[in-house]
């Protein structure tokens, strides 16, 4: 039987931060909009800020769906699966806020994460958890973890701050449904969402 939690206690926090990957899902309000689900690496990129608050680094990607949906309606769910050890799935439903890199709050939040991952990150997504519940996870396969990929770190370092910001302007101004992405980028040339690769 699944269990519902009133808070993210130390034991649950340790399990969440110990998972190597998690998944984030959001959706626009419009019924014809695209639901989005993104995998997120957890190499020090997830933090438990309090008993009902978690946050993760929003690293640069070719899509901006999660940010756009949160700016529109705030709904979000994070899903964690145990790929080793006892079977378990845990979902955190809540309301998300996007704290972008130029926000005065970003530096203090970024200090909670692996410094290498902060390089090139667009924002920190802060989630106020309204419901935390797990389920059996019997359908999740057992898999061996061999390591995190390093391409994102290398890409960010190679691009530099100016190059990363230019990429945001080109790719992250609007969602595939035309919703505003990163603040201040909407409407910039070269950022039509329809021409963008698969969302991240």
Protein backbone atom coordinates (compact mmCIF):
# COMPACT_ATOMS: atom_id res chain seq x y z
CA UNK A 1 0.00 0.00 0.00
CA UNK A 2 1.16 3.51 -0.76
CA UNK A 3 1.88 5.94 2.02
CA UNK A 4 1.26 9.69 2.17
CA UNK A 5 3.73 11.89 4.02
CA UNK A 6 2.95 15.14 5.81
CA UNK A 7 6.54 16.34 5.54
CA UNK A 8 9.92 15.50 4.04
CA UNK A 9 11.76 14.27 7.14
CA UNK A 10 15.46 13.43 7.32
CA UNK A 11 14.98 9.82 6.29
CA UNK A 12 12.87 10.72 3.27
CA UNK A 13 15.25 13.55 2.34
CA UNK A 14 18.18 11.13 2.35
CA UNK A 15 16.33 8.77 0.03
CA UNK A 16 15.33 11.54 -2.38
CA UNK A 17 18.80 13.06 -2.62
CA UNK A 18 20.31 9.59 -2.99
CA UNK A 19 18.47 8.83 -6.25
CA UNK A 20 20.63 9.29 -9.35
CA UNK A 21 17.81 10.59 -11.55
CA UNK A 22 14.30 11.94 -11.13
CA UNK A 23 11.54 13.12 -13.44
CA UNK A 24 9.64 16.40 -13.61
CA UNK A 25 6.20 16.82 -15.21
CA UNK A 26 4.24 19.98 -15.94
CA UNK A 27 1.43 21.05 -18.27
CA UNK A 28 0.00 24.28 -19.68
CA UNK A 29 -3.54 25.36 -18.84
CA UNK A 30 -4.69 25.09 -22.44
CA UNK A 31 -6.23 21.75 -23.32
CA UNK A 32 -4.42 21.66 -26.64
CA UNK A 33 -1.02 22.40 -25.09
CA UNK A 34 1.77 19.87 -24.73
CA UNK A 35 2.30 18.03 -21.45
CA UNK A 36 6.01 17.84 -20.64
CA UNK A 37 8.05 15.25 -18.76
CA UNK A 38 11.79 15.73 -18.29
CA UNK A 39 14.50 13.51 -16.74
CA UNK A 40 16.81 15.33 -14.34
CA UNK A 41 20.28 14.19 -13.35
CA UNK A 42 20.81 14.15 -9.60
CA UNK A 43 24.52 14.61 -9.18
CA UNK A 44 24.12 17.09 -6.33
CA UNK A 45 21.40 18.96 -8.24
CA UNK A 46 18.53 18.31 -5.82
CA UNK A 47 18.23 19.86 -2.36
CA UNK A 48 15.68 19.56 0.43
CA UNK A 49 15.26 23.08 1.81
CA UNK A 50 12.72 22.28 4.50
CA UNK A 51 9.98 19.86 5.56
CA UNK A 52 7.71 20.94 2.69
CA UNK A 53 10.19 22.53 0.27
CA UNK A 54 12.56 21.02 -2.27
CA UNK A 55 14.57 22.63 -5.04
CA UNK A 56 16.55 21.54 -8.07
CA UNK A 57 18.93 23.19 -10.51
CA UNK A 58 17.38 23.94 -13.87
CA UNK A 59 20.34 23.37 -16.15
CA UNK A 60 20.51 24.79 -19.66
CA UNK A 61 18.68 22.74 -22.28
CA UNK A 62 17.17 23.14 -25.73
CA UNK A 63 13.63 23.46 -24.36
CA UNK A 64 12.02 25.65 -21.72
CA UNK A 65 8.74 23.83 -21.13
CA UNK A 66 8.97 23.41 -17.35
CA UNK A 67 9.86 27.06 -16.78
CA UNK A 68 7.10 28.26 -19.13
CA UNK A 69 4.44 26.08 -17.50
CA UNK A 70 5.45 27.14 -14.01
CA UNK A 71 5.34 30.80 -14.99
CA UNK A 72 1.83 30.26 -16.34
CA UNK A 73 0.23 28.11 -13.64
CA UNK A 74 2.78 26.79 -11.09
CA UNK A 75 1.70 23.13 -11.15
CA UNK A 76 4.44 20.51 -10.96
CA UNK A 77 5.12 16.94 -9.93
CA UNK A 78 8.51 15.35 -9.27
CA UNK A 79 8.74 11.56 -9.51
CA UNK A 80 11.51 9.43 -8.04
CA UNK A 81 12.01 5.69 -8.71
CA UNK A 82 14.23 3.20 -6.96
CA UNK A 83 16.30 1.48 -9.64
CA UNK A 84 18.27 -0.40 -6.96
CA UNK A 85 17.37 -1.69 -3.51
CA UNK A 86 13.77 -2.08 -2.31
CA UNK A 87 11.16 -1.14 -4.92
CA UNK A 88 9.62 2.31 -4.53
CA UNK A 89 8.11 5.20 -6.46
CA UNK A 90 7.59 8.54 -4.76
CA UNK A 91 5.82 11.59 -6.17
CA UNK A 92 5.99 15.15 -4.89
CA UNK A 93 3.04 17.24 -6.09
CA UNK A 94 3.20 20.95 -5.49
CA UNK A 95 3.60 24.49 -6.71
CA UNK A 96 6.83 25.53 -8.35
CA UNK A 97 8.58 28.88 -8.59
CA UNK A 98 11.37 29.67 -11.03
CA UNK A 99 14.23 31.68 -9.50
CA UNK A 100 16.23 32.80 -12.51
CA UNK A 101 19.97 33.36 -12.55
CA UNK A 102 19.72 37.16 -12.33
CA UNK A 103 17.29 37.04 -9.40
CA UNK A 104 18.86 38.32 -6.16
CA UNK A 105 17.84 35.05 -4.48
CA UNK A 106 19.70 32.84 -6.94
CA UNK A 107 23.15 32.94 -5.31
CA UNK A 108 21.92 31.79 -1.90
CA UNK A 109 19.92 28.95 -3.45
CA UNK A 110 22.76 27.96 -5.78
CA UNK A 111 25.05 27.50 -2.78
CA UNK A 112 23.02 24.40 -1.91
CA UNK A 113 24.17 22.56 -5.04
CA UNK A 114 27.29 21.13 -6.66
CA UNK A 115 29.29 24.12 -7.95
CA UNK A 116 30.03 22.49 -11.31
CA UNK A 117 26.31 22.10 -11.94
CA UNK A 118 25.58 25.74 -11.13
CA UNK A 119 27.79 26.80 -14.04
CA UNK A 120 25.43 27.52 -16.93
CA UNK A 121 22.24 26.79 -14.97
CA UNK A 122 19.30 28.94 -15.99
CA UNK A 123 17.48 28.93 -12.68
CA UNK A 124 16.64 27.11 -9.49
CA UNK A 125 13.15 25.61 -9.36
CA UNK A 126 11.75 25.78 -5.83
CA UNK A 127 8.80 23.49 -5.11
CA UNK A 128 6.39 23.89 -2.21
CA UNK A 129 5.23 20.32 -1.71
CA UNK A 130 1.48 19.93 -1.23
CA UNK A 131 1.36 16.13 -1.41
CA UNK A 132 4.07 13.51 -1.01
CA UNK A 133 3.09 9.91 -1.61
CA UNK A 134 4.80 6.67 -2.57
CA UNK A 135 3.70 3.48 -4.27
CA UNK A 136 5.09 -0.03 -4.64
CA UNK A 137 7.41 0.42 -7.62
CA UNK A 138 7.18 -3.26 -8.58
CA UNK A 139 7.13 -2.31 -12.26
CA UNK A 140 10.41 -0.37 -12.08
CA UNK A 141 13.34 -2.52 -13.29
CA UNK A 142 16.55 -3.04 -11.37
CA UNK A 143 19.38 -1.26 -13.16
CA UNK A 144 23.08 -0.76 -12.51
CA UNK A 145 24.33 2.81 -12.29
CA UNK A 146 27.64 3.38 -14.09
CA UNK A 147 28.06 7.14 -13.75
CA UNK A 148 26.76 10.60 -14.55
CA UNK A 149 27.40 12.11 -17.98
CA UNK A 150 29.88 14.97 -18.17
CA UNK A 151 28.85 16.53 -21.48
CA UNK A 152 26.72 19.28 -19.90
CA UNK A 153 29.55 20.43 -17.63
CA UNK A 154 31.97 20.44 -20.55
CA UNK A 155 29.52 22.28 -22.83
CA UNK A 156 28.87 25.00 -20.25
CA UNK A 157 32.58 25.49 -19.62
CA UNK A 158 33.33 25.64 -23.32
CA UNK A 159 30.52 28.14 -24.05
CA UNK A 160 31.28 30.50 -21.18
CA UNK A 161 28.78 32.90 -19.60
CA UNK A 162 28.22 34.99 -22.75
CA UNK A 163 27.81 31.93 -24.94
CA UNK A 164 25.33 30.31 -22.59
CA UNK A 165 23.25 33.48 -22.40
CA UNK A 166 23.24 33.73 -26.20
CA UNK A 167 21.96 30.15 -26.32
CA UNK A 168 19.14 31.07 -23.90
CA UNK A 169 18.15 33.95 -26.17
CA UNK A 170 18.05 31.62 -29.17
CA UNK A 171 16.36 28.59 -27.59
CA UNK A 172 14.69 29.51 -24.30
CA UNK A 173 12.51 32.58 -24.94
CA UNK A 174 9.28 30.65 -25.43
CA UNK A 175 7.84 27.17 -25.11
CA UNK A 176 6.72 24.97 -27.99
CA UNK A 177 3.19 26.29 -27.33
CA UNK A 178 4.32 29.91 -27.39
CA UNK A 179 4.30 30.53 -23.63
CA UNK A 180 6.91 32.89 -22.21
CA UNK A 181 10.11 31.12 -21.17
CA UNK A 182 12.97 32.85 -19.41
CA UNK A 183 12.08 36.34 -18.23
CA UNK A 184 13.07 39.08 -20.65
CA UNK A 185 13.71 36.77 -23.61
CA UNK A 186 10.21 36.43 -25.08
CA UNK A 187 9.95 37.80 -28.60
CA UNK A 188 13.68 37.81 -29.34
CA UNK A 189 14.72 36.86 -32.85
CA UNK A 190 15.74 33.25 -33.36
CA UNK A 191 13.62 31.86 -30.51
CA UNK A 192 10.40 30.45 -32.06
CA UNK A 193 9.42 27.43 -30.01
CA UNK A 194 8.11 25.48 -33.00
CA UNK A 195 11.62 25.17 -34.43
CA UNK A 196 13.13 23.81 -31.22
CA UNK A 197 14.34 20.24 -30.64
CA UNK A 198 12.60 18.02 -28.11
CA UNK A 199 12.03 19.77 -24.75
CA UNK A 200 14.31 19.09 -21.79
